[in-house]
Amino acid sequence: SVSGTFTVSGDVASQASISGGDTLALRYTSCNLGAGVTLNGLVEVSVTQLTGAFENLTPPYSFGLATDWTDFTAGDDVLNGDLTIELSATDSTAITTSIRATAFAVGDGDDVETLSGFSATSRVISTNNSFEYSASGTVSSTELGGSVELMAASDFSGTVGQLPNSGAVDILGASGSNIRLTVISSQLVQLDIDSDGDGTIDDTQMTNWQELEVDLVSLL
């Protein structure tokens, strides 16, 4: 059954369509909309940009949405912080998606993951069914027991629906260690390890994508 309260406030140019500059604030208090999940907290949303026929996904178009989450809970899941998403297409051959976060945390009580100073960009090219992806920023996790800083060295790329087959990223651990992760193929990844951050590679290891997280946790 439906219970609790749900209030909406904001400033919109029209109730019939979305416009650039529209803002909304959604506040939930012990709100159960009938799906069996109780919502609490505040979500503030603003449309940062809107050009072209985005509603029909007809290029050229651009769309940007900034969100700010304050003590928002959905059952056991908790969200806090800011997250901005932007989509754009200049023609029908490619779609670019960007994500930015000054500080955004999401967790379920047992594990909390936080993005700080984070930015990521992906581009899907329809003409050859390929993708490009890069990310930079700090990622922390209670499951990992610490944080790492990502610095894109070259874009990850590959075939849509598969793992990357090229690209590289530098991963800096809180202890000063540095790992250059280089994609060798859609199965293999090379780790060049500078264990003390002095600029000299101390060890090189080969691993696969399935074992990558375990290997990084043990090395950083």
Protein backbone atom coordinates (compact mmCIF):
# COMPACT_ATOMS: atom_id res chain seq x y z
CA SER A 1 0.00 0.00 0.00
CA VAL A 2 1.00 3.62 -0.50
CA SER A 3 2.16 5.48 2.62
CA GLY A 4 4.33 8.38 3.77
CA THR A 5 4.75 11.76 2.07
CA PHE A 6 6.25 12.89 -1.22
CA THR A 7 6.52 16.59 -2.08
CA VAL A 8 7.69 18.26 -5.29
CA SER A 9 8.73 21.88 -5.69
CA GLY A 10 10.71 23.77 -8.27
CA ASP A 11 10.80 26.15 -11.19
CA VAL A 12 9.88 24.88 -14.67
CA ALA A 13 9.19 26.78 -17.87
CA SER A 14 6.37 24.41 -18.87
CA GLN A 15 4.61 21.45 -17.29
CA ALA A 16 4.20 19.92 -20.75
CA SER A 17 7.90 19.59 -21.64
CA ILE A 18 11.46 19.78 -20.30
CA SER A 19 13.47 22.96 -20.80
CA GLY A 20 17.01 24.04 -20.03
CA GLY A 21 17.11 25.71 -16.62
CA ASP A 22 14.24 23.68 -15.14
CA THR A 23 14.75 22.75 -11.48
CA LEU A 24 12.95 20.31 -9.21
CA ALA A 25 13.28 19.31 -5.58
CA LEU A 26 11.80 15.95 -4.55
CA ARG A 27 11.51 15.24 -0.83
CA TYR A 28 10.55 11.80 0.48
CA THR A 29 9.53 11.04 4.05
CA SER A 30 8.85 7.36 4.86
CA CYS A 31 7.41 7.19 1.36
CA ASN A 32 6.24 3.85 0.00
CA LEU A 33 4.77 4.22 -3.48
CA GLY A 34 3.50 0.66 -3.49
CA ALA A 35 6.68 -1.03 -4.74
CA GLY A 36 7.63 -2.33 -1.31
CA VAL A 37 10.61 0.03 -0.94
CA THR A 38 10.55 2.95 1.51
CA LEU A 39 12.12 6.21 0.32
CA ASN A 40 13.56 9.01 2.45
CA GLY A 41 15.64 12.09 1.78
CA LEU A 42 15.98 14.88 -0.75
CA VAL A 43 16.82 14.82 -4.47
CA GLU A 44 17.42 18.12 -6.29
CA VAL A 45 17.48 18.04 -10.08
CA SER A 46 18.32 20.73 -12.62
CA VAL A 47 18.44 20.64 -16.41
CA THR A 48 21.79 22.23 -17.23
CA GLN A 49 21.42 22.10 -21.00
CA LEU A 50 18.89 21.01 -23.61
CA THR A 51 19.30 21.59 -27.33
CA GLY A 52 17.90 19.98 -30.46
CA ALA A 53 15.36 17.18 -30.54
CA PHE A 54 16.61 15.28 -27.48
CA GLU A 55 13.13 13.97 -26.64
CA ASN A 56 13.20 12.01 -29.92
CA LEU A 57 16.96 11.31 -29.76
CA THR A 58 17.27 12.89 -33.19
CA PRO A 59 20.74 14.43 -33.76
CA PRO A 60 22.06 16.96 -33.29
CA TYR A 61 21.10 17.25 -29.63
CA SER A 62 22.55 17.74 -26.15
CA PHE A 63 21.14 17.17 -22.70
CA GLY A 64 22.58 17.76 -19.25
CA LEU A 65 21.13 16.84 -15.87
CA ALA A 66 22.67 17.82 -12.53
CA THR A 67 21.50 15.96 -9.43
CA ASP A 68 22.19 16.53 -5.74
CA TRP A 69 21.29 13.79 -3.25
CA THR A 70 20.96 14.48 0.47
CA ASP A 71 20.54 11.53 2.86
CA PHE A 72 18.51 9.72 0.22
CA THR A 73 17.64 6.13 1.09
CA ALA A 74 15.77 3.47 -0.84
CA GLY A 75 15.48 0.50 1.46
CA ASP A 76 19.08 -0.32 2.45
CA ASP A 77 20.63 1.76 -0.35
CA VAL A 78 21.97 5.21 0.55
CA LEU A 79 22.97 8.03 -1.84
CA ASN A 80 24.66 11.34 -0.98
CA GLY A 81 26.37 14.01 -3.05
CA ASP A 82 26.30 15.41 -6.55
CA LEU A 83 26.23 13.67 -9.91
CA THR A 84 25.96 15.30 -13.34
CA ILE A 85 25.16 13.40 -16.55
CA GLU A 86 25.44 14.80 -20.06
CA LEU A 87 24.54 13.23 -23.41
CA SER A 88 25.19 14.63 -26.85
CA ALA A 89 25.23 13.64 -30.52
CA THR A 90 26.33 15.80 -33.42
CA ASP A 91 25.08 13.27 -35.99
CA SER A 92 23.71 9.73 -36.17
CA THR A 93 27.15 8.06 -36.06
CA ALA A 94 28.12 8.60 -32.41
CA ILE A 95 26.71 9.32 -28.96
CA THR A 96 28.85 10.83 -26.20
CA THR A 97 28.01 10.41 -22.51
CA SER A 98 29.82 12.23 -19.69
CA ILE A 99 29.55 11.78 -15.92
CA ARG A 100 31.00 14.14 -13.32
CA ALA A 101 30.96 14.09 -9.53
CA THR A 102 32.57 16.45 -7.04
CA ALA A 103 31.68 13.98 -4.27
CA PHE A 104 29.12 11.23 -4.69
CA ALA A 105 28.63 8.23 -2.40
CA VAL A 106 26.43 5.19 -2.82
CA GLY A 107 26.18 2.20 -0.52
CA ASP A 108 24.00 -0.51 0.95
CA GLY A 109 25.16 -0.41 4.56
CA ASP A 110 27.88 -3.04 4.10
CA ASP A 111 29.84 -1.34 1.34
CA VAL A 112 30.04 2.36 0.47
CA GLU A 113 31.69 3.54 -2.74
CA THR A 114 32.60 7.22 -3.17
CA LEU A 115 33.62 9.18 -6.27
CA SER A 116 35.60 12.39 -5.65
CA GLY A 117 36.75 14.84 -8.32
CA PHE A 118 35.58 12.21 -10.77
CA SER A 119 34.91 12.51 -14.49
CA ALA A 120 34.25 9.86 -17.11
CA THR A 121 33.44 10.07 -20.81
CA SER A 122 32.25 7.36 -23.16
CA ARG A 123 31.61 7.51 -26.88
CA VAL A 124 29.70 4.86 -28.82
CA ILE A 125 30.29 4.84 -32.57
CA SER A 126 27.50 3.13 -34.48
CA THR A 127 29.29 2.91 -37.83
CA ASN A 128 31.67 0.21 -36.56
CA ASN A 129 29.91 -0.80 -33.31
CA SER A 130 32.82 0.40 -31.20
CA PHE A 131 33.31 2.41 -28.00
CA GLU A 132 35.85 4.69 -26.36
CA TYR A 133 36.01 5.34 -22.60
CA SER A 134 38.18 7.27 -20.17
CA ALA A 135 37.93 8.11 -16.47
CA SER A 136 39.87 10.18 -13.93
CA GLY A 137 39.36 10.94 -10.26
CA THR A 138 39.43 9.29 -6.85
CA VAL A 139 37.47 6.14 -6.06
CA SER A 140 37.15 4.88 -2.49
CA SER A 141 35.40 1.80 -1.19
CA THR A 142 34.94 0.27 2.22
CA GLU A 143 35.10 -3.13 0.53
CA LEU A 144 38.51 -2.28 -0.93
CA GLY A 145 39.55 -0.78 2.40
CA GLY A 146 40.84 2.49 0.98
CA SER A 147 40.98 4.74 -2.06
CA VAL A 148 42.77 4.96 -5.39
CA GLU A 149 43.28 7.82 -7.82
CA LEU A 150 42.68 7.16 -11.51
CA MET A 151 44.53 9.10 -14.20
CA ALA A 152 43.65 8.25 -17.80
CA ALA A 153 46.74 7.57 -19.94
CA SER A 154 44.89 6.62 -23.14
CA ASP A 155 41.24 5.88 -23.86
CA PHE A 156 39.93 2.37 -23.40
CA SER A 157 38.39 1.16 -26.65
CA GLY A 158 36.81 -1.94 -28.06
CA THR A 159 33.68 -3.50 -29.50
CA VAL A 160 30.31 -2.68 -27.91
CA GLY A 161 29.20 -5.51 -25.61
CA GLN A 162 32.75 -6.74 -25.06
CA LEU A 163 35.62 -5.81 -22.74
CA PRO A 164 38.17 -3.22 -23.96
CA ASN A 165 40.97 -4.41 -26.22
CA SER A 166 43.20 -1.34 -25.86
CA GLY A 167 43.81 1.58 -23.51
CA ALA A 168 45.71 2.43 -20.34
CA VAL A 169 45.18 4.09 -16.97
CA ASP A 170 47.47 4.99 -14.05
CA ILE A 171 46.21 3.87 -10.63
CA LEU A 172 47.75 5.62 -7.63
CA GLY A 173 47.32 3.99 -4.24
CA ALA A 174 47.06 5.88 -0.95
CA SER A 175 50.39 4.38 0.16
CA GLY A 176 52.25 5.96 -2.77
CA SER A 177 52.27 2.91 -5.02
CA ASN A 178 51.56 3.40 -8.72
CA ILE A 179 50.26 0.85 -11.22
CA ARG A 180 50.02 1.42 -14.97
CA LEU A 181 47.19 -0.79 -16.25
CA THR A 182 47.53 -1.49 -19.97
CA VAL A 183 44.96 -3.47 -21.91
CA ILE A 184 46.65 -6.11 -24.06
CA SER A 185 43.44 -7.70 -25.38
CA SER A 186 39.81 -8.21 -24.41
CA GLN A 187 41.10 -11.04 -22.16
CA LEU A 188 44.50 -9.88 -20.90
CA VAL A 189 45.68 -6.88 -18.87
CA GLN A 190 49.28 -5.92 -18.06
CA LEU A 191 50.15 -4.34 -14.69
CA ASP A 192 53.39 -2.35 -14.45
CA ILE A 193 53.99 -1.87 -10.73
CA ASP A 194 55.93 0.94 -9.08
CA SER A 195 55.57 -0.16 -5.47
CA ASP A 196 57.13 2.92 -3.82
CA GLY A 197 56.22 5.66 -6.30
CA ASP A 198 59.83 6.49 -7.27
CA GLY A 199 59.14 6.27 -11.01
CA THR A 200 60.84 2.89 -11.49
CA ILE A 201 58.86 -0.21 -12.47
CA ASP A 202 59.54 -2.86 -9.83
CA ASP A 203 57.44 -5.67 -11.31
CA THR A 204 55.26 -6.48 -14.31
CA GLN A 205 52.37 -8.93 -14.09
CA MET A 206 49.82 -10.26 -16.54
CA THR A 207 46.27 -10.94 -15.41
CA ASN A 208 42.76 -11.23 -16.82
CA TRP A 209 39.73 -9.02 -16.29
CA GLN A 210 38.07 -11.54 -13.96
CA GLU A 211 41.03 -11.53 -11.55
CA LEU A 212 41.85 -7.83 -11.92
CA GLU A 213 40.04 -6.50 -8.82
CA VAL A 214 41.62 -9.15 -6.58
CA ASP A 215 45.08 -8.39 -7.99
CA LEU A 216 44.72 -4.63 -7.52
CA VAL A 217 43.54 -4.94 -3.92
CA SER A 218 46.61 -7.04 -3.06
CA LEU A 219 49.03 -4.68 -4.82
CA LEU A 220 47.85 -1.21 -3.74
